[in-house]
Amino acid sequence: MPLDWQSFYASLLPYIPAELASDLTLISTFVIALCAILARFWPRPTSDSRWMSLYLLVNHVAMNSKHAANADDTNPGA
C-alpha cells in the first residue's frame, strides 16, 4: 500500500501547533525547490567522488526521477 503523504500530514496537523506547522511547510517547500534547482544544473559526479552521496540526496529530495531534464544522467559508472 503506497503512503499517501497528504493524509499522513493531515492526520499529524491536530497535534502540531499552527505556527510550527506553517513554518515546517514553508521550510520543506523551500528545501525541495532548492534541491530541484540544484538537481537541474548539477552534473553527476564520478562514482568515486566524495560528492556522490550529497548528489544522490539532493536528487532524492528533489524527486528527480524518470521525467527530469537530466534523467539520462543515471549511469553510476560514468
N, C-alpha and C. Protein backbone atom coordinates (compact mmCIF):
# COMPACT_ATOMS: atom_id res chain seq x y z
N MET A 1 0.84 -1.18 0.00
CA MET A 1 0.00 0.00 0.00
C MET A 1 0.89 1.25 0.00
N PRO A 2 0.76 2.10 -1.01
CA PRO A 2 1.57 3.31 -1.06
C PRO A 2 1.13 4.29 0.02
N LEU A 3 2.10 5.03 0.52
CA LEU A 3 1.84 6.01 1.56
C LEU A 3 1.26 7.27 0.95
N ASP A 4 0.13 7.71 1.46
CA ASP A 4 -0.49 8.95 1.00
C ASP A 4 -0.02 10.07 1.91
N TRP A 5 0.93 10.88 1.42
CA TRP A 5 1.55 11.92 2.24
C TRP A 5 0.55 12.96 2.69
N GLN A 6 -0.43 13.27 1.86
CA GLN A 6 -1.41 14.28 2.23
C GLN A 6 -2.25 13.81 3.42
N SER A 7 -2.67 12.57 3.41
CA SER A 7 -3.44 12.04 4.53
C SER A 7 -2.58 11.94 5.78
N PHE A 8 -1.33 11.54 5.61
CA PHE A 8 -0.41 11.44 6.73
C PHE A 8 -0.19 12.81 7.37
N TYR A 9 0.02 13.82 6.54
CA TYR A 9 0.23 15.18 7.02
C TYR A 9 -1.03 15.71 7.71
N ALA A 10 -2.19 15.44 7.12
CA ALA A 10 -3.46 15.90 7.70
C ALA A 10 -3.74 15.23 9.04
N SER A 11 -3.30 13.99 9.21
CA SER A 11 -3.51 13.32 10.49
C SER A 11 -2.57 13.86 11.58
N LEU A 12 -1.42 14.41 11.19
CA LEU A 12 -0.49 14.99 12.16
C LEU A 12 -0.84 16.42 12.55
N LEU A 13 -1.55 17.14 11.70
CA LEU A 13 -1.82 18.55 11.95
C LEU A 13 -2.51 18.85 13.27
N PRO A 14 -3.46 18.04 13.74
CA PRO A 14 -4.09 18.38 15.02
C PRO A 14 -3.12 18.35 16.21
N TYR A 15 -2.00 17.67 16.08
CA TYR A 15 -1.05 17.54 17.18
C TYR A 15 0.08 18.57 17.12
N ILE A 16 0.15 19.32 16.04
CA ILE A 16 1.23 20.30 15.85
C ILE A 16 0.64 21.70 15.93
N PRO A 17 1.25 22.60 16.70
CA PRO A 17 0.76 23.99 16.73
C PRO A 17 0.78 24.61 15.33
N ALA A 18 -0.18 25.48 15.07
CA ALA A 18 -0.34 26.06 13.73
C ALA A 18 0.90 26.81 13.27
N GLU A 19 1.54 27.54 14.17
CA GLU A 19 2.72 28.31 13.78
C GLU A 19 3.85 27.37 13.35
N LEU A 20 4.02 26.30 14.09
CA LEU A 20 5.08 25.34 13.77
C LEU A 20 4.77 24.60 12.47
N ALA A 21 3.51 24.24 12.27
CA ALA A 21 3.14 23.54 11.04
C ALA A 21 3.36 24.42 9.82
N SER A 22 3.03 25.70 9.93
CA SER A 22 3.24 26.59 8.78
C SER A 22 4.73 26.80 8.52
N ASP A 23 5.52 26.91 9.58
CA ASP A 23 6.97 27.06 9.40
C ASP A 23 7.58 25.82 8.77
N LEU A 24 7.18 24.63 9.24
CA LEU A 24 7.70 23.39 8.68
C LEU A 24 7.32 23.23 7.21
N THR A 25 6.09 23.62 6.88
CA THR A 25 5.65 23.54 5.49
C THR A 25 6.44 24.48 4.60
N LEU A 26 6.66 25.69 5.08
CA LEU A 26 7.42 26.67 4.31
C LEU A 26 8.87 26.22 4.11
N ILE A 27 9.49 25.75 5.18
CA ILE A 27 10.89 25.32 5.09
C ILE A 27 11.03 24.09 4.19
N SER A 28 10.14 23.12 4.33
CA SER A 28 10.24 21.93 3.49
C SER A 28 9.98 22.25 2.02
N THR A 29 9.06 23.16 1.74
CA THR A 29 8.82 23.58 0.36
C THR A 29 10.05 24.26 -0.22
N PHE A 30 10.69 25.11 0.57
CA PHE A 30 11.91 25.78 0.11
C PHE A 30 13.03 24.79 -0.15
N VAL A 31 13.21 23.81 0.74
CA VAL A 31 14.28 22.82 0.59
C VAL A 31 14.05 21.97 -0.67
N ILE A 32 12.82 21.56 -0.90
CA ILE A 32 12.51 20.75 -2.08
C ILE A 32 12.75 21.56 -3.35
N ALA A 33 12.31 22.82 -3.36
CA ALA A 33 12.52 23.67 -4.53
C ALA A 33 14.00 23.93 -4.78
N LEU A 34 14.75 24.18 -3.72
CA LEU A 34 16.19 24.40 -3.86
C LEU A 34 16.88 23.15 -4.41
N CYS A 35 16.51 21.99 -3.90
CA CYS A 35 17.10 20.74 -4.40
C CYS A 35 16.72 20.49 -5.85
N ALA A 36 15.51 20.87 -6.25
CA ALA A 36 15.10 20.71 -7.64
C ALA A 36 15.95 21.59 -8.56
N ILE A 37 16.23 22.81 -8.13
CA ILE A 37 17.07 23.70 -8.93
C ILE A 37 18.50 23.16 -8.99
N LEU A 38 19.02 22.72 -7.86
CA LEU A 38 20.37 22.15 -7.84
C LEU A 38 20.46 20.90 -8.72
N ALA A 39 19.45 20.04 -8.65
CA ALA A 39 19.46 18.81 -9.43
C ALA A 39 19.41 19.11 -10.93
N ARG A 40 18.77 20.19 -11.29
CA ARG A 40 18.66 20.53 -12.70
C ARG A 40 20.02 20.90 -13.31
N PHE A 41 20.86 21.58 -12.54
CA PHE A 41 22.10 22.10 -13.10
C PHE A 41 23.36 21.37 -12.64
N TRP A 42 23.25 20.45 -11.70
CA TRP A 42 24.43 19.77 -11.15
C TRP A 42 24.69 18.48 -11.91
N PRO A 43 25.78 18.38 -12.66
CA PRO A 43 26.08 17.14 -13.37
C PRO A 43 26.51 16.04 -12.38
N ARG A 44 26.26 14.82 -12.76
CA ARG A 44 26.58 13.69 -11.88
C ARG A 44 28.09 13.58 -11.70
N PRO A 45 28.55 13.54 -10.44
CA PRO A 45 29.99 13.34 -10.20
C PRO A 45 30.39 11.90 -10.48
N THR A 46 31.67 11.65 -10.56
CA THR A 46 32.12 10.27 -10.76
C THR A 46 31.75 9.43 -9.55
N SER A 47 31.64 8.13 -9.74
CA SER A 47 31.16 7.25 -8.67
C SER A 47 32.10 7.20 -7.47
N ASP A 48 33.37 7.54 -7.64
CA ASP A 48 34.30 7.53 -6.51
C ASP A 48 34.47 8.92 -5.89
N SER A 49 33.67 9.88 -6.30
CA SER A 49 33.76 11.24 -5.78
C SER A 49 33.16 11.34 -4.38
N ARG A 50 33.69 12.24 -3.57
CA ARG A 50 33.15 12.43 -2.23
C ARG A 50 31.82 13.17 -2.27
N TRP A 51 31.45 13.75 -3.41
CA TRP A 51 30.20 14.48 -3.56
C TRP A 51 29.04 13.59 -3.97
N MET A 52 29.31 12.32 -4.28
CA MET A 52 28.26 11.44 -4.80
C MET A 52 27.11 11.26 -3.81
N SER A 53 27.40 11.10 -2.53
CA SER A 53 26.32 10.90 -1.56
C SER A 53 25.44 12.15 -1.45
N LEU A 54 26.04 13.33 -1.48
CA LEU A 54 25.25 14.56 -1.45
C LEU A 54 24.45 14.72 -2.73
N TYR A 55 25.04 14.37 -3.86
CA TYR A 55 24.34 14.43 -5.14
C TYR A 55 23.10 13.53 -5.12
N LEU A 56 23.26 12.31 -4.61
CA LEU A 56 22.13 11.38 -4.55
C LEU A 56 21.05 11.88 -3.59
N LEU A 57 21.45 12.47 -2.48
CA LEU A 57 20.48 13.02 -1.53
C LEU A 57 19.71 14.17 -2.15
N VAL A 58 20.41 15.07 -2.83
CA VAL A 58 19.74 16.20 -3.48
C VAL A 58 18.76 15.71 -4.53
N ASN A 59 19.15 14.73 -5.32
CA ASN A 59 18.25 14.20 -6.34
C ASN A 59 17.05 13.48 -5.73
N HIS A 60 17.26 12.83 -4.62
CA HIS A 60 16.15 12.15 -3.95
C HIS A 60 15.16 13.16 -3.38
N VAL A 61 15.66 14.18 -2.71
CA VAL A 61 14.78 15.21 -2.13
C VAL A 61 14.07 15.98 -3.24
N ALA A 62 14.75 16.22 -4.35
CA ALA A 62 14.16 16.96 -5.47
C ALA A 62 13.17 16.12 -6.27
N MET A 63 13.05 14.85 -5.92
CA MET A 63 12.18 13.92 -6.64
C MET A 63 12.55 13.89 -8.12
N ASN A 64 13.85 13.90 -8.38
CA ASN A 64 14.41 13.91 -9.72
C ASN A 64 14.42 12.47 -10.24
N SER A 65 13.42 12.13 -11.02
CA SER A 65 13.33 10.75 -11.49
C SER A 65 13.20 10.70 -13.00
N LYS A 66 12.45 9.81 -13.51
CA LYS A 66 12.40 9.49 -14.94
C LYS A 66 12.08 10.67 -15.84
N HIS A 67 11.31 11.63 -15.37
CA HIS A 67 10.87 12.71 -16.23
C HIS A 67 11.70 13.98 -16.08
N ALA A 68 12.82 13.92 -15.36
CA ALA A 68 13.66 15.09 -15.16
C ALA A 68 14.48 15.39 -16.40
N ALA A 69 14.96 16.61 -16.48
CA ALA A 69 15.75 17.03 -17.64
C ALA A 69 17.04 16.25 -17.75
N ASN A 70 17.61 15.83 -16.62
CA ASN A 70 18.86 15.07 -16.66
C ASN A 70 18.61 13.62 -16.26
N ALA A 71 17.47 13.06 -16.64
CA ALA A 71 17.13 11.70 -16.27
C ALA A 71 18.08 10.67 -16.89
N ASP A 72 18.71 11.01 -18.00
CA ASP A 72 19.66 10.10 -18.62
C ASP A 72 20.98 10.09 -17.86
N ASP A 73 21.08 10.87 -16.82
CA ASP A 73 22.28 11.00 -16.00
C ASP A 73 22.30 9.96 -14.88
N THR A 74 21.80 8.77 -15.16
CA THR A 74 21.67 7.76 -14.12
C THR A 74 22.71 6.66 -14.24
N ASN A 75 23.66 6.77 -15.13
CA ASN A 75 24.70 5.77 -15.28
C ASN A 75 25.67 5.88 -14.12
N PRO A 76 25.72 4.92 -13.19
CA PRO A 76 26.53 5.07 -11.99
C PRO A 76 28.03 5.06 -12.26
N GLY A 77 28.48 4.52 -13.36
CA GLY A 77 29.90 4.43 -13.60
C GLY A 77 30.45 5.54 -14.47
N ALA A 78 29.59 6.38 -14.98
CA ALA A 78 30.04 7.41 -15.93
C ALA A 78 30.75 8.56 -15.30
